[in-house]
Amino acid sequence: MKIVKFDGQNFQVEDPKNIVFETTFDEKLFSFIYNRINNGQIYAPIIDSDNFFNKTYPIDILKLFAASGLALPNEPSSKATNRSRLELQFIVRDFLSRYPILMGLVQNNVTLAGVAIKNAEILCQQNVDGTNFIRIKSIIDKLNRTAWSRSRDVSEKQSGVSTLGTISETLLKITFQNLVDDKIFFQVSQSEVQSYGDFVLMCLPNNLWLSVKSNFARERLLASGYSNDILGVGFFQDSGEFTSLVRIRNFQRAGFLAMYCPDVAVSESQLKNNSNTYDEVINHYNNAKITLPTNINGKPFIRRLSDLVSDLTPLINESNVKKRMCVRF
């Protein structure tokens, strides 16, 4: 067993001698990575996937993979840039799906959203829920900063953008799954009312709807509003969608009480600039000396996504529907 350190915490990487592997490929590649770990080192890349392609490493993962009778769930597109190199990355990615603790030790390799989330759960020492999904996202972002030591080609960039979006969507989905009780708070599945929102919390004087989007608001959020009480929720990437007072007024006229913007990086540019949508929106209003917008109840209209669960919890915990009111939300 060896120890790696992340954010002041020690994490164990099991000795391959103590692991029962299903294939020779898994055993060889795990052992190869394990032998390069310096016990007690910082959790950071020690394996460069490019070296599998350049044949710098004394291990042929393509032959090993085939000899072990393994097959990729998805092959790189025939039009992919540097397809042969990407195929090796897909093989490494498939391996990491079985051993996510090793993900942060490998760089210059595309990844899957599920693997990134599982890896972050290991490092967070918690499964994703409504209290830690922002923390999980910040761990993923921190690892992304050292995931590449070179400029990515077109296919690698496209994969990265897709993975970022899937991570955001998955985290929100898990967060809401942990909140719903299918009694007072539930996901809307009836086609007749799905246009109102994605989730609804039974409240007075109106039910509180939640419209959940992944990366961009644009007009899709406005399409959810029917003069109900509604919340906009998402890992929105473009702060400009919330800095126009005309757009804010349109949101409010549609019934929106708040927009929950991510207070963690959700785009490539934000990762590079160490920024986030919430701070960008707030800084815009402050720099322009414009009063921050409030809702019909006089409460902040622009809110941190990390505050969503704590804002909803008092309403969800109120068992008496007569007292479960959103007039002070």
Protein backbone atom coordinates (compact mmCIF):
# COMPACT_ATOMS: atom_id res chain seq x y z
CA MET A 1 0.00 0.00 0.00
CA LYS A 2 1.14 3.53 -0.77
CA ILE A 3 -0.07 6.93 0.46
CA VAL A 4 -0.86 9.99 -1.65
CA LYS A 5 -1.77 13.37 -0.19
CA PHE A 6 -4.59 15.62 -1.34
CA ASP A 7 -5.68 18.81 0.47
CA GLY A 8 -3.89 17.71 3.63
CA GLN A 9 -5.55 14.30 3.70
CA ASN A 10 -3.91 10.90 3.17
CA PHE A 11 -5.38 8.45 0.68
CA GLN A 12 -4.40 4.84 0.26
CA VAL A 13 -3.59 3.18 -3.04
CA GLU A 14 -3.78 -0.55 -2.54
CA ASP A 15 -0.81 -2.74 -3.45
CA PRO A 16 -1.73 -4.65 -6.61
CA LYS A 17 -0.52 -7.83 -4.89
CA ASN A 18 -3.59 -7.56 -2.67
CA ILE A 19 -6.06 -7.01 -5.51
CA VAL A 20 -7.83 -9.72 -7.47
CA PHE A 21 -7.86 -8.48 -11.06
CA GLU A 22 -10.27 -9.74 -13.67
CA THR A 23 -7.83 -9.30 -16.54
CA THR A 24 -4.12 -9.28 -17.17
CA PHE A 25 -4.50 -5.84 -18.71
CA ASP A 26 -5.87 -4.36 -15.47
CA GLU A 27 -3.17 -6.04 -13.41
CA LYS A 28 -0.31 -4.88 -15.64
CA LEU A 29 -1.49 -1.28 -16.01
CA PHE A 30 -2.39 -0.90 -12.32
CA SER A 31 1.02 -2.29 -11.32
CA PHE A 32 2.75 -0.01 -13.83
CA ILE A 33 1.12 3.08 -12.33
CA TYR A 34 1.51 1.87 -8.73
CA ASN A 35 5.26 1.30 -9.13
CA ARG A 36 5.68 4.95 -10.17
CA ILE A 37 4.01 6.33 -7.06
CA ASN A 38 6.39 7.73 -4.48
CA ASN A 39 4.94 6.86 -1.09
CA GLY A 40 3.65 10.04 0.57
CA GLN A 41 3.69 12.11 -2.61
CA ILE A 42 1.17 14.81 -3.49
CA TYR A 43 -1.80 13.53 -5.48
CA ALA A 44 -0.70 14.78 -8.90
CA PRO A 45 0.00 13.36 -12.37
CA ILE A 46 2.87 10.90 -12.65
CA ILE A 47 1.72 9.18 -15.85
CA ASP A 48 1.60 10.94 -19.23
CA SER A 49 -0.76 9.13 -21.60
CA ASP A 50 1.13 10.55 -24.57
CA ASN A 51 3.97 8.23 -23.65
CA PHE A 52 1.82 5.19 -24.36
CA PHE A 53 1.38 6.53 -27.89
CA ASN A 54 5.03 7.57 -28.23
CA LYS A 55 6.07 4.12 -26.95
CA THR A 56 8.22 5.76 -24.29
CA TYR A 57 6.78 3.45 -21.66
CA PRO A 58 7.79 -0.25 -21.69
CA ILE A 59 4.18 -1.39 -21.89
CA ASP A 60 1.99 -1.81 -24.96
CA ILE A 61 -1.51 -1.15 -23.64
CA LEU A 62 -3.12 -1.64 -27.05
CA LYS A 63 -1.82 -5.21 -27.36
CA LEU A 64 -2.49 -5.94 -23.70
CA PHE A 65 -6.04 -4.66 -24.00
CA ALA A 66 -6.76 -6.83 -27.03
CA ALA A 67 -5.01 -9.89 -25.55
CA SER A 68 -7.18 -9.63 -22.45
CA GLY A 69 -10.31 -9.88 -24.58
CA LEU A 70 -11.46 -6.39 -23.69
CA ALA A 71 -13.41 -4.04 -25.94
CA LEU A 72 -14.10 -0.34 -25.68
CA PRO A 73 -17.72 0.65 -24.97
CA ASN A 74 -17.28 3.41 -27.55
CA GLU A 75 -14.64 3.80 -30.23
CA PRO A 76 -13.22 7.19 -31.27
CA SER A 77 -14.89 8.67 -34.32
CA SER A 78 -13.28 7.91 -37.67
CA LYS A 79 -13.00 11.69 -38.10
CA ALA A 80 -11.27 12.22 -34.74
CA THR A 81 -8.08 14.24 -34.64
CA ASN A 82 -5.08 11.99 -33.87
CA ARG A 83 -7.40 8.99 -33.74
CA SER A 84 -4.68 6.45 -32.84
CA ARG A 85 -3.61 8.53 -29.86
CA LEU A 86 -7.22 9.08 -28.82
CA GLU A 87 -7.87 5.33 -28.99
CA LEU A 88 -5.15 4.75 -26.40
CA GLN A 89 -6.69 7.48 -24.25
CA PHE A 90 -10.03 5.70 -24.48
CA ILE A 91 -8.35 2.50 -23.28
CA VAL A 92 -6.83 4.32 -20.30
CA ARG A 93 -10.18 6.01 -19.64
CA ASP A 94 -11.89 2.63 -19.61
CA PHE A 95 -9.32 1.35 -17.12
CA LEU A 96 -9.82 4.37 -14.85
CA SER A 97 -13.57 3.70 -14.77
CA ARG A 98 -12.67 0.58 -12.75
CA TYR A 99 -9.98 2.23 -10.62
CA PRO A 100 -11.03 5.91 -10.23
CA ILE A 101 -8.55 6.55 -7.39
CA LEU A 102 -5.83 6.58 -10.05
CA MET A 103 -7.45 9.24 -12.25
CA GLY A 104 -5.58 12.19 -10.75
CA LEU A 105 -2.26 10.43 -11.35
CA VAL A 106 -2.75 10.45 -15.14
CA GLN A 107 -2.56 13.45 -17.44
CA ASN A 108 -3.12 14.20 -21.12
CA ASN A 109 -6.06 11.81 -21.22
CA VAL A 110 -9.75 12.41 -21.89
CA THR A 111 -12.05 11.34 -19.07
CA LEU A 112 -15.66 10.46 -18.36
CA ALA A 113 -18.02 12.48 -16.17
CA GLY A 114 -18.85 9.45 -14.02
CA VAL A 115 -15.20 8.68 -13.37
CA ALA A 116 -14.43 12.30 -12.49
CA ILE A 117 -17.33 12.40 -10.02
CA LYS A 118 -16.40 9.07 -8.44
CA ASN A 119 -12.81 10.21 -8.09
CA ALA A 120 -13.96 13.44 -6.43
CA GLU A 121 -16.21 11.47 -4.06
CA ILE A 122 -13.18 9.44 -2.98
CA LEU A 123 -11.15 12.59 -2.35
CA CYS A 124 -14.08 14.31 -0.63
CA GLN A 125 -14.68 11.12 1.40
CA GLN A 126 -18.40 11.59 0.83
CA ASN A 127 -20.95 10.64 -1.79
CA VAL A 128 -22.52 13.51 -3.70
CA ASP A 129 -25.53 15.13 -2.04
CA GLY A 130 -27.15 18.53 -1.71
CA THR A 131 -24.67 19.70 0.92
CA ASN A 132 -21.43 18.94 -0.91
CA PHE A 133 -22.10 19.00 -4.67
CA ILE A 134 -20.28 22.33 -5.03
CA ARG A 135 -17.32 20.91 -3.09
CA ILE A 136 -17.32 17.87 -5.38
CA LYS A 137 -17.35 20.18 -8.42
CA SER A 138 -14.46 22.24 -7.01
CA ILE A 139 -12.36 19.08 -6.53
CA ILE A 140 -13.01 18.10 -10.13
CA ASP A 141 -12.02 21.60 -11.25
CA LYS A 142 -8.82 21.51 -9.19
CA LEU A 143 -7.75 18.24 -10.82
CA ASN A 144 -8.66 19.61 -14.26
CA ARG A 145 -6.04 22.33 -13.84
CA THR A 146 -3.25 19.74 -13.96
CA ALA A 147 -4.95 17.27 -16.28
CA TRP A 148 -3.15 18.53 -19.39
CA SER A 149 0.49 19.51 -19.84
CA ARG A 150 0.08 20.46 -23.50
CA SER A 151 -2.43 22.10 -25.80
CA ARG A 152 -5.32 19.78 -26.62
CA ASP A 153 -6.29 18.90 -30.15
CA VAL A 154 -9.79 19.48 -31.52
CA SER A 155 -11.19 16.10 -30.44
CA GLU A 156 -9.74 16.42 -26.95
CA LYS A 157 -11.25 19.89 -26.56
CA GLN A 158 -14.65 18.70 -27.75
CA SER A 159 -14.53 15.80 -25.31
CA GLY A 160 -13.62 18.17 -22.47
CA VAL A 161 -16.53 20.51 -23.16
CA SER A 162 -18.96 17.59 -23.34
CA THR A 163 -17.62 16.08 -20.11
CA LEU A 164 -17.90 19.39 -18.25
CA GLY A 165 -21.54 19.69 -19.26
CA THR A 166 -22.32 16.11 -18.27
CA ILE A 167 -20.64 16.57 -14.89
CA SER A 168 -22.80 19.62 -14.18
CA GLU A 169 -26.01 17.89 -15.24
CA THR A 170 -25.19 14.75 -13.24
CA LEU A 171 -24.38 16.67 -10.05
CA LEU A 172 -27.67 18.58 -10.24
CA LYS A 173 -29.59 15.37 -10.93
CA ILE A 174 -28.07 13.64 -7.90
CA THR A 175 -28.67 16.69 -5.71
CA PHE A 176 -32.38 16.79 -6.51
CA GLN A 177 -32.79 13.03 -6.28
CA ASN A 178 -31.63 13.29 -2.67
CA LEU A 179 -34.14 16.06 -1.90
CA VAL A 180 -37.35 14.77 -3.42
CA ASP A 181 -39.78 12.80 -1.26
CA ASP A 182 -42.51 12.40 -3.93
CA LYS A 183 -45.02 13.87 -1.50
CA ILE A 184 -44.42 17.58 -1.06
CA PHE A 185 -41.38 17.87 -3.32
CA PHE A 186 -41.20 15.87 -6.52
CA GLN A 187 -39.98 15.79 -10.09
CA VAL A 188 -42.58 16.70 -12.68
CA SER A 189 -43.16 13.85 -15.12
CA GLN A 190 -46.61 14.67 -16.51
CA SER A 191 -46.24 16.08 -20.00
CA GLU A 192 -49.21 18.39 -19.46
CA VAL A 193 -47.34 20.46 -16.87
CA GLN A 194 -43.66 19.82 -17.63
CA SER A 195 -43.41 23.20 -19.34
CA TYR A 196 -43.97 24.85 -15.95
CA GLY A 197 -40.77 23.49 -14.50
CA ASP A 198 -38.77 20.37 -13.63
CA PHE A 199 -39.53 20.08 -9.90
CA VAL A 200 -42.28 21.44 -7.69
CA LEU A 201 -42.56 22.03 -3.94
CA MET A 202 -46.09 22.27 -2.55
CA CYS A 203 -46.39 25.73 -0.94
CA LEU A 204 -48.73 28.63 -0.24
CA PRO A 205 -49.92 30.90 -1.76
CA ASN A 206 -48.43 29.28 -4.90
CA ASN A 207 -46.48 26.10 -5.42
CA LEU A 208 -42.75 26.74 -5.81
CA TRP A 209 -41.45 25.47 -9.14
CA LEU A 210 -37.82 24.84 -10.04
CA SER A 211 -36.58 25.07 -13.61
CA VAL A 212 -33.27 23.24 -13.87
CA LYS A 213 -30.93 23.90 -16.78
CA SER A 214 -27.37 22.76 -17.32
CA ASN A 215 -25.11 25.40 -18.85
CA PHE A 216 -27.12 28.20 -20.43
CA ALA A 217 -30.35 29.98 -19.53
CA ARG A 218 -31.18 31.88 -22.70
CA GLU A 219 -34.90 31.72 -23.45
CA ARG A 220 -35.45 28.25 -22.06
CA LEU A 221 -35.89 29.51 -18.52
CA LEU A 222 -38.40 32.12 -19.63
CA ALA A 223 -40.38 29.35 -21.29
CA SER A 224 -40.81 27.78 -17.86
CA GLY A 225 -42.47 30.78 -16.25
CA TYR A 226 -46.24 31.23 -16.22
CA SER A 227 -46.49 33.89 -13.50
CA ASN A 228 -45.90 31.17 -10.89
CA ASP A 229 -43.33 31.31 -8.14
CA ILE A 230 -40.31 29.69 -9.74
CA LEU A 231 -36.56 29.32 -9.23
CA GLY A 232 -33.95 29.14 -11.97
CA VAL A 233 -31.23 26.61 -11.16
CA GLY A 234 -28.18 25.54 -13.13
CA PHE A 235 -24.45 25.55 -13.72
CA PHE A 236 -24.89 28.59 -15.95
CA GLN A 237 -21.72 29.52 -17.81
CA ASP A 238 -22.55 32.95 -19.22
CA SER A 239 -22.79 35.66 -16.57
CA GLY A 240 -24.07 38.04 -19.25
CA GLU A 241 -27.41 36.25 -19.12
CA PHE A 242 -27.98 37.79 -15.67
CA THR A 243 -26.45 41.26 -15.99
CA SER A 244 -29.10 42.82 -18.22
CA LEU A 245 -31.76 44.59 -16.16
CA VAL A 246 -34.24 44.09 -19.01
CA ARG A 247 -33.66 40.34 -18.94
CA ILE A 248 -33.91 40.31 -15.15
CA ARG A 249 -37.23 42.16 -15.42
CA ASN A 250 -38.47 39.59 -17.92
CA PHE A 251 -37.51 36.78 -15.57
CA GLN A 252 -39.32 38.50 -12.71
CA ARG A 253 -42.46 39.12 -14.81
CA ALA A 254 -42.50 35.39 -15.59
CA GLY A 255 -42.60 34.70 -11.85
CA PHE A 256 -38.98 33.95 -11.01
CA LEU A 257 -38.04 34.55 -7.37
CA ALA A 258 -34.34 33.77 -7.75
CA MET A 259 -31.60 32.64 -10.09
CA TYR A 260 -29.12 30.23 -8.54
CA CYS A 261 -25.79 30.79 -10.29
CA PRO A 262 -22.75 28.55 -9.79
CA ASP A 263 -20.16 29.83 -7.34
CA VAL A 264 -17.59 27.41 -8.76
CA ALA A 265 -15.94 27.38 -12.19
CA VAL A 266 -18.09 25.72 -14.86
CA SER A 267 -16.33 26.58 -18.12
CA GLU A 268 -12.86 26.30 -19.58
CA SER A 269 -12.34 30.07 -19.39
CA GLN A 270 -13.49 30.22 -15.77
CA LEU A 271 -11.11 27.40 -14.85
CA LYS A 272 -8.29 29.33 -16.49
CA ASN A 273 -9.24 32.64 -14.85
CA ASN A 274 -10.17 31.14 -11.47
CA SER A 275 -13.60 32.75 -11.65
CA ASN A 276 -17.23 31.69 -11.50
CA THR A 277 -20.57 32.90 -12.84
CA TYR A 278 -21.95 34.12 -9.51
CA ASP A 279 -18.91 36.31 -8.77
CA GLU A 280 -18.89 37.63 -12.34
CA VAL A 281 -22.54 38.69 -12.05
CA ILE A 282 -22.09 40.33 -8.64
CA ASN A 283 -18.91 42.09 -9.74
CA HIS A 284 -20.71 43.48 -12.78
CA TYR A 285 -23.39 45.15 -10.66
CA ASN A 286 -20.91 46.39 -8.07
CA ASN A 287 -18.49 47.80 -10.65
CA ALA A 288 -21.35 49.54 -12.47
CA LYS A 289 -22.64 50.83 -9.13
CA ILE A 290 -26.02 49.25 -9.85
CA THR A 291 -28.11 47.98 -6.96
CA LEU A 292 -28.35 44.20 -6.98
CA PRO A 293 -31.80 43.05 -8.14
CA THR A 294 -34.27 41.76 -5.57
CA ASN A 295 -37.40 39.65 -6.01
CA ILE A 296 -41.04 40.45 -5.25
CA ASN A 297 -40.40 39.51 -1.61
CA GLY A 298 -37.50 41.95 -1.32
CA LYS A 299 -34.94 39.12 -1.14
CA PRO A 300 -31.82 38.69 -3.31
CA PHE A 301 -32.63 37.64 -6.85
CA ILE A 302 -29.11 36.44 -7.77
CA ARG A 303 -28.02 33.68 -5.38
CA ARG A 304 -25.20 31.18 -4.96
CA LEU A 305 -25.95 27.71 -6.26
CA SER A 306 -24.31 26.31 -3.12
CA ASP A 307 -27.07 28.01 -1.06
CA LEU A 308 -29.91 26.26 -2.89
CA VAL A 309 -30.35 23.35 -0.49
CA SER A 310 -30.08 25.48 2.66
CA ASP A 311 -32.66 27.91 1.18
CA LEU A 312 -35.09 25.09 0.36
CA THR A 313 -34.60 23.05 3.54
CA PRO A 314 -36.83 25.17 5.85
CA LEU A 315 -39.71 24.81 3.39
CA ILE A 316 -39.14 21.09 2.84
CA ASN A 317 -38.90 20.48 6.59
CA GLU A 318 -42.16 22.32 7.31
CA SER A 319 -44.71 19.50 7.63
CA ASN A 320 -47.71 21.83 7.91
CA VAL A 321 -48.62 23.04 4.43
CA LYS A 322 -50.49 25.98 5.98
CA LYS A 323 -47.14 27.28 7.25
CA ARG A 324 -45.11 26.27 4.18
CA MET A 325 -45.19 29.66 2.48
CA CYS A 326 -42.86 31.10 -0.13
CA VAL A 327 -43.83 34.72 0.46
CA ARG A 328 -40.57 35.29 2.34
CA PHE A 329 -38.36 33.28 -0.03
